[in-house]
Amino acid sequence: MPERFLLQILRNLVARGILSSTRGVDGGYSLERAPEDISLLEVIEAIDGPMVCGLPVGNGLPEVSHARLRQVLREVTEQTRRQLAAITLAQLLPAPREQPLR
């Protein structure tokens, strides 16, 4: 992945309040909020922009069919948004390793 592309993604994540950046020798990126408070939808939309229903041009498609297709795709998009919003980064991270008792 080109460095410029990666830096743009990181800048978008910072701008949306998902990451914070620190300059300098010990600098880098870290989560701005707890992983439990960041949804997968937020991350995707910070990188790709708003998730909206897109409808390809339906040349020759009757208007009633075109309207129904538009409605169905809108419903699919909203269901997908709800599902992605319900998934947090915390759910995607590996479980913390248990420390052995001493």
PDB file of N, CA and C in Angstrom:
ATOM      1  N   MET A   1       0.856  -1.168   0.000  1.00  0.00           N
ATOM      2  CA  MET A   1       0.000   0.000   0.000  1.00  0.00           C
ATOM      3  C   MET A   1       0.905   1.235   0.000  1.00  0.00           C
ATOM      4  N   PRO A   2       0.687   2.144  -0.926  1.00  0.00           N
ATOM      5  CA  PRO A   2       1.521   3.343  -0.970  1.00  0.00           C
ATOM      6  C   PRO A   2       1.396   4.170   0.317  1.00  0.00           C
ATOM      7  N   GLU A   3       2.515   4.724   0.745  1.00  0.00           N
ATOM      8  CA  GLU A   3       2.546   5.500   1.987  1.00  0.00           C
ATOM      9  C   GLU A   3       1.588   6.691   1.938  1.00  0.00           C
ATOM     10  N   ARG A   4       1.510   7.368   0.807  1.00  0.00           N
ATOM     11  CA  ARG A   4       0.622   8.531   0.694  1.00  0.00           C
ATOM     12  C   ARG A   4      -0.838   8.131   0.907  1.00  0.00           C
ATOM     13  N   PHE A   5      -1.224   6.965   0.386  1.00  0.00           N
ATOM     14  CA  PHE A   5      -2.583   6.465   0.547  1.00  0.00           C
ATOM     15  C   PHE A   5      -2.860   6.158   2.015  1.00  0.00           C
ATOM     16  N   LEU A   6      -1.927   5.493   2.668  1.00  0.00           N
ATOM     17  CA  LEU A   6      -2.062   5.165   4.088  1.00  0.00           C
ATOM     18  C   LEU A   6      -2.141   6.434   4.935  1.00  0.00           C
ATOM     19  N   LEU A   7      -1.310   7.421   4.638  1.00  0.00           N
ATOM     20  CA  LEU A   7      -1.345   8.679   5.395  1.00  0.00           C
ATOM     21  C   LEU A   7      -2.679   9.395   5.227  1.00  0.00           C
ATOM     22  N   GLN A   8      -3.278   9.324   4.038  1.00  0.00           N
ATOM     23  CA  GLN A   8      -4.587   9.940   3.826  1.00  0.00           C
ATOM     24  C   GLN A   8      -5.652   9.244   4.671  1.00  0.00           C
ATOM     25  N   ILE A   9      -5.596   7.933   4.741  1.00  0.00           N
ATOM     26  CA  ILE A   9      -6.537   7.183   5.579  1.00  0.00           C
ATOM     27  C   ILE A   9      -6.369   7.586   7.038  1.00  0.00           C
ATOM     28  N   LEU A  10      -5.129   7.651   7.503  1.00  0.00           N
ATOM     29  CA  LEU A  10      -4.879   8.038   8.898  1.00  0.00           C
ATOM     30  C   LEU A  10      -5.373   9.453   9.168  1.00  0.00           C
ATOM     31  N   ARG A  11      -5.146  10.373   8.229  1.00  0.00           N
ATOM     32  CA  ARG A  11      -5.642  11.751   8.397  1.00  0.00           C
ATOM     33  C   ARG A  11      -7.163  11.782   8.493  1.00  0.00           C
ATOM     34  N   ASN A  12      -7.832  10.992   7.669  1.00  0.00           N
ATOM     35  CA  ASN A  12      -9.292  10.920   7.734  1.00  0.00           C
ATOM     36  C   ASN A  12      -9.762  10.383   9.083  1.00  0.00           C
ATOM     37  N   LEU A  13      -9.078   9.379   9.595  1.00  0.00           N
ATOM     38  CA  LEU A  13      -9.450   8.814  10.894  1.00  0.00           C
ATOM     39  C   LEU A  13      -9.217   9.819  12.026  1.00  0.00           C
ATOM     40  N   VAL A  14      -8.177  10.628  11.908  1.00  0.00           N
ATOM     41  CA  VAL A  14      -7.919  11.685  12.893  1.00  0.00           C
ATOM     42  C   VAL A  14      -9.005  12.752  12.788  1.00  0.00           C
ATOM     43  N   ALA A  15      -9.320  13.164  11.571  1.00  0.00           N
ATOM     44  CA  ALA A  15     -10.327  14.213  11.364  1.00  0.00           C
ATOM     45  C   ALA A  15     -11.692  13.803  11.892  1.00  0.00           C
ATOM     46  N   ARG A  16     -12.008  12.517  11.866  1.00  0.00           N
ATOM     47  CA  ARG A  16     -13.307  12.029  12.331  1.00  0.00           C
ATOM     48  C   ARG A  16     -13.301  11.681  13.818  1.00  0.00           C
ATOM     49  N   GLY A  17     -12.171  11.938  14.521  1.00  0.00           N
ATOM     50  CA  GLY A  17     -12.129  11.699  15.955  1.00  0.00           C
ATOM     51  C   GLY A  17     -11.978  10.245  16.347  1.00  0.00           C
ATOM     52  N   ILE A  18     -11.475   9.430  15.439  1.00  0.00           N
ATOM     53  CA  ILE A  18     -11.263   8.015  15.741  1.00  0.00           C
ATOM     54  C   ILE A  18      -9.845   7.790  16.240  1.00  0.00           C
ATOM     55  N   LEU A  19      -8.893   8.470  15.625  1.00  0.00           N
ATOM     56  CA  LEU A  19      -7.489   8.398  16.041  1.00  0.00           C
ATOM     57  C   LEU A  19      -7.014   9.771  16.480  1.00  0.00           C
ATOM     58  N   SER A  20      -5.955   9.765  17.274  1.00  0.00           N
ATOM     59  CA  SER A  20      -5.229  11.004  17.554  1.00  0.00           C
ATOM     60  C   SER A  20      -3.803  10.783  17.099  1.00  0.00           C
ATOM     61  N   SER A  21      -3.146  11.853  16.708  1.00  0.00           N
ATOM     62  CA  SER A  21      -1.768  11.725  16.241  1.00  0.00           C
ATOM     63  C   SER A  21      -0.860  12.549  17.132  1.00  0.00           C
ATOM     64  N   THR A  22       0.339  12.034  17.322  1.00  0.00           N
ATOM     65  CA  THR A  22       1.355  12.707  18.110  1.00  0.00           C
ATOM     66  C   THR A  22       2.611  12.795  17.260  1.00  0.00           C
ATOM     67  N   ARG A  23       3.159  14.000  17.162  1.00  0.00           N
ATOM     68  CA  ARG A  23       4.380  14.197  16.375  1.00  0.00           C
ATOM     69  C   ARG A  23       5.607  13.898  17.227  1.00  0.00           C
ATOM     70  N   GLY A  24       6.705  13.727  16.552  1.00  0.00           N
ATOM     71  CA  GLY A  24       7.977  13.586  17.250  1.00  0.00           C
ATOM     72  C   GLY A  24       8.510  12.173  17.236  1.00  0.00           C
ATOM     73  N   VAL A  25       9.634  12.024  17.915  1.00  0.00           N
ATOM     74  CA  VAL A  25      10.340  10.742  17.942  1.00  0.00           C
ATOM     75  C   VAL A  25       9.464   9.635  18.514  1.00  0.00           C
ATOM     76  N   ASP A  26       8.735   9.938  19.574  1.00  0.00           N
ATOM     77  CA  ASP A  26       7.864   8.945  20.194  1.00  0.00           C
ATOM     78  C   ASP A  26       6.424   9.074  19.697  1.00  0.00           C
ATOM     79  N   GLY A  27       6.249   9.772  18.571  1.00  0.00           N
ATOM     80  CA  GLY A  27       4.923  10.023  18.029  1.00  0.00           C
ATOM     81  C   GLY A  27       4.327   8.807  17.347  1.00  0.00           C
ATOM     82  N   GLY A  28       3.122   8.998  16.893  1.00  0.00           N
ATOM     83  CA  GLY A  28       2.413   7.935  16.195  1.00  0.00           C
ATOM     84  C   GLY A  28       0.922   8.188  16.284  1.00  0.00           C
ATOM     85  N   TYR A  29       0.162   7.133  16.132  1.00  0.00           N
ATOM     86  CA  TYR A  29      -1.286   7.225  16.167  1.00  0.00           C
ATOM     87  C   TYR A  29      -1.819   6.329  17.274  1.00  0.00           C
ATOM     88  N   SER A  30      -2.888   6.787  17.903  1.00  0.00           N
ATOM     89  CA  SER A  30      -3.567   5.980  18.914  1.00  0.00           C
ATOM     90  C   SER A  30      -5.060   6.259  18.835  1.00  0.00           C
ATOM     91  N   LEU A  31      -5.846   5.357  19.398  1.00  0.00           N
ATOM     92  CA  LEU A  31      -7.287   5.556  19.401  1.00  0.00           C
ATOM     93  C   LEU A  31      -7.636   6.775  20.240  1.00  0.00           C
ATOM     94  N   GLU A  32      -8.537   7.584  19.736  1.00  0.00           N
ATOM     95  CA  GLU A  32      -8.996   8.784  20.440  1.00  0.00           C
ATOM     96  C   GLU A  32     -10.005   8.416  21.523  1.00  0.00           C
ATOM     97  N   ARG A  33     -10.752   7.350  21.287  1.00  0.00           N
ATOM     98  CA  ARG A  33     -11.773   6.891  22.224  1.00  0.00           C
ATOM     99  C   ARG A  33     -11.564   5.410  22.512  1.00  0.00           C
ATOM    100  N   ALA A  34     -12.280   4.913  23.496  1.00  0.00           N
ATOM    101  CA  ALA A  34     -12.204   3.491  23.834  1.00  0.00           C
ATOM    102  C   ALA A  34     -12.721   2.660  22.656  1.00  0.00           C
ATOM    103  N   PRO A  35     -12.153   1.484  22.440  1.00  0.00           N
ATOM    104  CA  PRO A  35     -12.600   0.633  21.329  1.00  0.00           C
ATOM    105  C   PRO A  35     -14.090   0.300  21.403  1.00  0.00           C
ATOM    106  N   GLU A  36     -14.650   0.285  22.607  1.00  0.00           N
ATOM    107  CA  GLU A  36     -16.078   0.001  22.788  1.00  0.00           C
ATOM    108  C   GLU A  36     -16.950   1.129  22.236  1.00  0.00           C
ATOM    109  N   ASP A  37     -16.350   2.310  22.061  1.00  0.00           N
ATOM    110  CA  ASP A  37     -17.096   3.491  21.631  1.00  0.00           C
ATOM    111  C   ASP A  37     -16.904   3.826  20.152  1.00  0.00           C
ATOM    112  N   ILE A  38     -16.222   2.954  19.425  1.00  0.00           N
ATOM    113  CA  ILE A  38     -15.963   3.202  17.997  1.00  0.00           C
ATOM    114  C   ILE A  38     -16.596   2.072  17.198  1.00  0.00           C
ATOM    115  N   SER A  39     -17.531   2.436  16.338  1.00  0.00           N
ATOM    116  CA  SER A  39     -18.205   1.408  15.536  1.00  0.00           C
ATOM    117  C   SER A  39     -17.459   1.160  14.230  1.00  0.00           C
ATOM    118  N   LEU A  40     -17.692  -0.003  13.699  1.00  0.00           N
ATOM    119  CA  LEU A  40     -17.110  -0.346  12.406  1.00  0.00           C
ATOM    120  C   LEU A  40     -17.656   0.590  11.320  1.00  0.00           C
ATOM    121  N   LEU A  41     -18.912   0.992  11.449  1.00  0.00           N
ATOM    122  CA  LEU A  41     -19.488   1.942  10.490  1.00  0.00           C
ATOM    123  C   LEU A  41     -18.719   3.257  10.501  1.00  0.00           C
ATOM    124  N   GLU A  42     -18.365   3.754  11.692  1.00  0.00           N
ATOM    125  CA  GLU A  42     -17.597   5.003  11.773  1.00  0.00           C
ATOM    126  C   GLU A  42     -16.276   4.887  11.026  1.00  0.00           C
ATOM    127  N   VAL A  43     -15.591   3.774  11.211  1.00  0.00           N
ATOM    128  CA  VAL A  43     -14.287   3.575  10.564  1.00  0.00           C
ATOM    129  C   VAL A  43     -14.456   3.511   9.048  1.00  0.00           C
ATOM    130  N   ILE A  44     -15.423   2.726   8.589  1.00  0.00           N
ATOM    131  CA  ILE A  44     -15.639   2.585   7.150  1.00  0.00           C
ATOM    132  C   ILE A  44     -15.994   3.929   6.525  1.00  0.00           C
ATOM    133  N   GLU A  45     -16.896   4.666   7.165  1.00  0.00           N
ATOM    134  CA  GLU A  45     -17.313   5.947   6.589  1.00  0.00           C
ATOM    135  C   GLU A  45     -16.214   6.997   6.691  1.00  0.00           C
ATOM    136  N   ALA A  46     -15.338   6.893   7.681  1.00  0.00           N
ATOM    137  CA  ALA A  46     -14.207   7.826   7.761  1.00  0.00           C
ATOM    138  C   ALA A  46     -13.244   7.602   6.600  1.00  0.00           C
ATOM    139  N   ILE A  47     -13.143   6.372   6.161  1.00  0.00           N
ATOM    140  CA  ILE A  47     -12.207   6.037   5.078  1.00  0.00           C
ATOM    141  C   ILE A  47     -12.861   6.209   3.704  1.00  0.00           C
ATOM    142  N   ASP A  48     -14.065   5.702   3.552  1.00  0.00           N
ATOM    143  CA  ASP A  48     -14.713   5.659   2.229  1.00  0.00           C
ATOM    144  C   ASP A  48     -15.775   6.729   2.012  1.00  0.00           C
ATOM    145  N   GLY A  49     -16.140   7.466   3.043  1.00  0.00           N
ATOM    146  CA  GLY A  49     -17.232   8.419   2.923  1.00  0.00           C
ATOM    147  C   GLY A  49     -18.545   7.769   3.311  1.00  0.00           C
ATOM    148  N   PRO A  50     -19.612   8.551   3.304  1.00  0.00           N
ATOM    149  CA  PRO A  50     -20.911   8.039   3.742  1.00  0.00           C
ATOM    150  C   PRO A  50     -21.370   6.833   2.925  1.00  0.00           C
ATOM    151  N   MET A  51     -21.922   5.856   3.623  1.00  0.00           N
ATOM    152  CA  MET A  51     -22.473   4.682   2.958  1.00  0.00           C
ATOM    153  C   MET A  51     -23.892   5.032   2.529  1.00  0.00           C
ATOM    154  N   VAL A  52     -24.062   5.177   1.244  1.00  0.00           N
ATOM    155  CA  VAL A  52     -25.366   5.542   0.698  1.00  0.00           C
ATOM    156  C   VAL A  52     -25.782   4.522  -0.355  1.00  0.00           C
ATOM    157  N   CYS A  53     -27.051   4.500  -0.620  1.00  0.00           N
ATOM    158  CA  CYS A  53     -27.609   3.604  -1.615  1.00  0.00           C
ATOM    159  C   CYS A  53     -27.262   4.128  -2.997  1.00  0.00           C
ATOM    160  N   GLY A  54     -26.643   3.307  -3.790  1.00  0.00           N
ATOM    161  CA  GLY A  54     -26.344   3.693  -5.163  1.00  0.00           C
ATOM    162  C   GLY A  54     -27.183   2.861  -6.105  1.00  0.00           C
ATOM    163  N   LEU A  55     -27.736   3.497  -7.077  1.00  0.00           N
ATOM    164  CA  LEU A  55     -28.574   2.788  -8.033  1.00  0.00           C
ATOM    165  C   LEU A  55     -27.981   2.933  -9.425  1.00  0.00           C
ATOM    166  N   PRO A  56     -27.610   1.806 -10.039  1.00  0.00           N
ATOM    167  CA  PRO A  56     -27.094   1.907 -11.401  1.00  0.00           C
ATOM    168  C   PRO A  56     -28.197   2.400 -12.331  1.00  0.00           C
ATOM    169  N   VAL A  57     -27.795   2.980 -13.415  1.00  0.00           N
ATOM    170  CA  VAL A  57     -28.761   3.478 -14.393  1.00  0.00           C
ATOM    171  C   VAL A  57     -29.574   2.296 -14.902  1.00  0.00           C
ATOM    172  N   GLY A  58     -30.883   2.437 -14.859  1.00  0.00           N
ATOM    173  CA  GLY A  58     -31.763   1.349 -15.278  1.00  0.00           C
ATOM    174  C   GLY A  58     -32.394   1.626 -16.620  1.00  0.00           C
ATOM    175  N   ASN A  59     -31.592   1.770 -17.621  1.00  0.00           N
ATOM    176  CA  ASN A  59     -32.123   2.027 -18.963  1.00  0.00           C
ATOM    177  C   ASN A  59     -33.062   0.904 -19.371  1.00  0.00           C
ATOM    178  N   GLY A  60     -34.251   1.287 -19.797  1.00  0.00           N
ATOM    179  CA  GLY A  60     -35.215   0.305 -20.265  1.00  0.00           C
ATOM    180  C   GLY A  60     -36.028  -0.329 -19.159  1.00  0.00           C
ATOM    181  N   LEU A  61     -35.712  -0.036 -17.913  1.00  0.00           N
ATOM    182  CA  LEU A  61     -36.446  -0.606 -16.783  1.00  0.00           C
ATOM    183  C   LEU A  61     -37.712   0.218 -16.556  1.00  0.00           C
ATOM    184  N   PRO A  62     -38.871  -0.418 -16.445  1.00  0.00           N
ATOM    185  CA  PRO A  62     -40.096   0.343 -16.193  1.00  0.00           C
ATOM    186  C   PRO A  62     -39.967   1.151 -14.896  1.00  0.00           C
ATOM    187  N   GLU A  63     -40.602   2.321 -14.861  1.00  0.00           N
ATOM    188  CA  GLU A  63     -40.476   3.217 -13.708  1.00  0.00           C
ATOM    189  C   GLU A  63     -40.901   2.540 -12.414  1.00  0.00           C
ATOM    190  N   VAL A  64     -41.944   1.752 -12.431  1.00  0.00           N
ATOM    191  CA  VAL A  64     -42.399   1.082 -11.211  1.00  0.00           C
ATOM    192  C   VAL A  64     -41.329   0.106 -10.710  1.00  0.00           C
ATOM    193  N   SER A  65     -40.681  -0.595 -11.615  1.00  0.00           N
ATOM    194  CA  SER A  65     -39.599  -1.517 -11.229  1.00  0.00           C
ATOM    195  C   SER A  65     -38.397  -0.738 -10.724  1.00  0.00           C
ATOM    196  N   HIS A  66     -38.103   0.375 -11.377  1.00  0.00           N
ATOM    197  CA  HIS A  66     -36.985   1.222 -10.973  1.00  0.00           C
ATOM    198  C   HIS A  66     -37.220   1.746  -9.547  1.00  0.00           C
ATOM    199  N   ALA A  67     -38.444   2.179  -9.268  1.00  0.00           N
ATOM    200  CA  ALA A  67     -38.786   2.694  -7.934  1.00  0.00           C
ATOM    201  C   ALA A  67     -38.682   1.591  -6.885  1.00  0.00           C
ATOM    202  N   ARG A  68     -39.153   0.399  -7.217  1.00  0.00           N
ATOM    203  CA  ARG A  68     -39.081  -0.728  -6.263  1.00  0.00           C
ATOM    204  C   ARG A  68     -37.638  -1.109  -6.000  1.00  0.00           C
ATOM    205  N   LEU A  69     -36.826  -1.170  -7.047  1.00  0.00           N
ATOM    206  CA  LEU A  69     -35.405  -1.487  -6.882  1.00  0.00           C
ATOM    207  C   LEU A  69     -34.734  -0.446  -6.003  1.00  0.00           C
ATOM    208  N   ARG A  70     -35.042   0.818  -6.219  1.00  0.00           N
ATOM    209  CA  ARG A  70     -34.479   1.898  -5.413  1.00  0.00           C
ATOM    210  C   ARG A  70     -34.863   1.714  -3.939  1.00  0.00           C
ATOM    211  N   GLN A  71     -36.122   1.357  -3.667  1.00  0.00           N
ATOM    212  CA  GLN A  71     -36.592   1.150  -2.296  1.00  0.00           C
ATOM    213  C   GLN A  71     -35.887  -0.042  -1.639  1.00  0.00           C
ATOM    214  N   VAL A  72     -35.762  -1.126  -2.377  1.00  0.00           N
ATOM    215  CA  VAL A  72     -35.102  -2.324  -1.831  1.00  0.00           C
ATOM    216  C   VAL A  72     -33.633  -2.032  -1.520  1.00  0.00           C
ATOM    217  N   LEU A  73     -32.942  -1.347  -2.416  1.00  0.00           N
ATOM    218  CA  LEU A  73     -31.536  -1.016  -2.174  1.00  0.00           C
ATOM    219  C   LEU A  73     -31.392  -0.054  -0.998  1.00  0.00           C
ATOM    220  N   ARG A  74     -32.328   0.848  -0.821  1.00  0.00           N
ATOM    221  CA  ARG A  74     -32.317   1.761   0.333  1.00  0.00           C
ATOM    222  C   ARG A  74     -32.453   0.956   1.630  1.00  0.00           C
ATOM    223  N   GLU A  75     -33.363  -0.024   1.639  1.00  0.00           N
ATOM    224  CA  GLU A  75     -33.560  -0.874   2.818  1.00  0.00           C
ATOM    225  C   GLU A  75     -32.311  -1.701   3.123  1.00  0.00           C
ATOM    226  N   VAL A  76     -31.699  -2.250   2.089  1.00  0.00           N
ATOM    227  CA  VAL A  76     -30.466  -3.039   2.273  1.00  0.00           C
ATOM    228  C   VAL A  76     -29.364  -2.150   2.851  1.00  0.00           C
ATOM    229  N   THR A  77     -29.238  -0.951   2.321  1.00  0.00           N
ATOM    230  CA  THR A  77     -28.208  -0.026   2.806  1.00  0.00           C
ATOM    231  C   THR A  77     -28.440   0.318   4.273  1.00  0.00           C
ATOM    232  N   GLU A  78     -29.673   0.612   4.644  1.00  0.00           N
ATOM    233  CA  GLU A  78     -29.978   0.955   6.038  1.00  0.00           C
ATOM    234  C   GLU A  78     -29.741  -0.223   6.977  1.00  0.00           C
ATOM    235  N   GLN A  79     -30.102  -1.426   6.552  1.00  0.00           N
ATOM    236  CA  GLN A  79     -29.853  -2.613   7.372  1.00  0.00           C
ATOM    237  C   GLN A  79     -28.348  -2.832   7.542  1.00  0.00           C
ATOM    238  N   THR A  80     -27.605  -2.657   6.476  1.00  0.00           N
ATOM    239  CA  THR A  80     -26.147  -2.799   6.545  1.00  0.00           C
ATOM    240  C   THR A  80     -25.554  -1.764   7.484  1.00  0.00           C
ATOM    241  N   ARG A  81     -26.013  -0.515   7.403  1.00  0.00           N
ATOM    242  CA  ARG A  81     -25.532   0.550   8.295  1.00  0.00           C
ATOM    243  C   ARG A  81     -25.813   0.196   9.759  1.00  0.00           C
ATOM    244  N   ARG A  82     -27.026  -0.312  10.036  1.00  0.00           N
ATOM    245  CA  ARG A  82     -27.368  -0.683  11.421  1.00  0.00           C
ATOM    246  C   ARG A  82     -26.467  -1.799  11.926  1.00  0.00           C
ATOM    247  N   GLN A  83     -26.223  -2.790  11.081  1.00  0.00           N
ATOM    248  CA  GLN A  83     -25.381  -3.913  11.493  1.00  0.00           C
ATOM    249  C   GLN A  83     -23.937  -3.462  11.735  1.00  0.00           C
ATOM    250  N   LEU A  84     -23.401  -2.640  10.857  1.00  0.00           N
ATOM    251  CA  LEU A  84     -22.038  -2.148  11.032  1.00  0.00           C
ATOM    252  C   LEU A  84     -21.930  -1.221  12.239  1.00  0.00           C
ATOM    253  N   ALA A  85     -22.962  -0.452  12.518  1.00  0.00           N
ATOM    254  CA  ALA A  85     -22.958   0.439  13.681  1.00  0.00           C
ATOM    255  C   ALA A  85     -22.990  -0.361  14.986  1.00  0.00           C
ATOM    256  N   ALA A  86     -23.528  -1.566  14.942  1.00  0.00           N
ATOM    257  CA  ALA A  86     -23.629  -2.395  16.141  1.00  0.00           C
ATOM    258  C   ALA A  86     -22.327  -3.130  16.465  1.00  0.00           C
ATOM    259  N   ILE A  87     -21.391  -3.135  15.542  1.00  0.00           N
ATOM    260  CA  ILE A  87     -20.102  -3.812  15.755  1.00  0.00           C
ATOM    261  C   ILE A  87     -19.081  -2.775  16.193  1.00  0.00           C
ATOM    262  N   THR A  88     -18.444  -3.018  17.327  1.00  0.00           N
ATOM    263  CA  THR A  88     -17.427  -2.086  17.820  1.00  0.00           C
ATOM    264  C   THR A  88     -16.029  -2.657  17.594  1.00  0.00           C
ATOM    265  N   LEU A  89     -15.047  -1.777  17.638  1.00  0.00           N
ATOM    266  CA  LEU A  89     -13.661  -2.237  17.515  1.00  0.00           C
ATOM    267  C   LEU A  89     -13.317  -3.226  18.620  1.00  0.00           C
ATOM    268  N   ALA A  90     -13.878  -3.024  19.803  1.00  0.00           N
ATOM    269  CA  ALA A  90     -13.597  -3.931  20.916  1.00  0.00           C
ATOM    270  C   ALA A  90     -13.993  -5.361  20.570  1.00  0.00           C
ATOM    271  N   GLN A  91     -15.080  -5.518  19.830  1.00  0.00           N
ATOM    272  CA  GLN A  91     -15.527  -6.848  19.441  1.00  0.00           C
ATOM    273  C   GLN A  91     -14.588  -7.498  18.426  1.00  0.00           C
ATOM    274  N   LEU A  92     -13.821  -6.699  17.719  1.00  0.00           N
ATOM    275  CA  LEU A  92     -12.923  -7.219  16.694  1.00  0.00           C
ATOM    276  C   LEU A  92     -11.522  -7.510  17.222  1.00  0.00           C
ATOM    277  N   LEU A  93     -11.214  -6.973  18.398  1.00  0.00           N
ATOM    278  CA  LEU A  93      -9.890  -7.179  18.980  1.00  0.00           C
ATOM    279  C   LEU A  93      -9.811  -8.546  19.647  1.00  0.00           C
ATOM    280  N   PRO A  94      -8.620  -9.132  19.670  1.00  0.00           N
ATOM    281  CA  PRO A  94      -8.484 -10.417  20.368  1.00  0.00           C
ATOM    282  C   PRO A  94      -8.729 -10.230  21.869  1.00  0.00           C
ATOM    283  N   ALA A  95      -9.216 -11.280  22.487  1.00  0.00           N
ATOM    284  CA  ALA A  95      -9.461 -11.231  23.934  1.00  0.00           C
ATOM    285  C   ALA A  95      -8.134 -11.035  24.653  1.00  0.00           C
ATOM    286  N   PRO A  96      -8.133 -10.261  25.746  1.00  0.00           N
ATOM    287  CA  PRO A  96      -6.886 -10.079  26.497  1.00  0.00           C
ATOM    288  C   PRO A  96      -6.398 -11.419  27.040  1.00  0.00           C
ATOM    289  N   ARG A  97      -5.104 -11.564  27.022  1.00  0.00           N
ATOM    290  CA  ARG A  97      -4.508 -12.802  27.531  1.00  0.00           C
ATOM    291  C   ARG A  97      -4.565 -12.802  29.053  1.00  0.00           C
ATOM    292  N   GLU A  98      -4.933 -13.928  29.586  1.00  0.00           N
ATOM    293  CA  GLU A  98      -4.977 -14.041  31.036  1.00  0.00           C
ATOM    294  C   GLU A  98      -3.553 -14.172  31.572  1.00  0.00           C
ATOM    295  N   GLN A  99      -3.298 -13.450  32.656  1.00  0.00           N
ATOM    296  CA  GLN A  99      -1.990 -13.519  33.293  1.00  0.00           C
ATOM    297  C   GLN A  99      -1.976 -14.695  34.277  1.00  0.00           C
ATOM    298  N   PRO A 100      -0.929 -15.502  34.264  1.00  0.00           N
ATOM    299  CA  PRO A 100      -0.871 -16.634  35.208  1.00  0.00           C
ATOM    300  C   PRO A 100      -0.757 -16.095  36.638  1.00  0.00           C
ATOM    301  N   LEU A 101      -1.394 -16.817  37.548  1.00  0.00           N
ATOM    302  CA  LEU A 101      -1.299 -16.452  38.973  1.00  0.00           C
ATOM    303  C   LEU A 101       0.083 -16.780  39.486  1.00  0.00           C
ATOM    304  N   ARG A 102       0.580 -15.907  40.344  1.00  0.00           N
ATOM    305  CA  ARG A 102       1.938 -16.136  40.892  1.00  0.00           C
ATOM    306  C   ARG A 102       1.856 -16.331  42.371  1.00  0.00           C
TER     307      ARG A 102
END
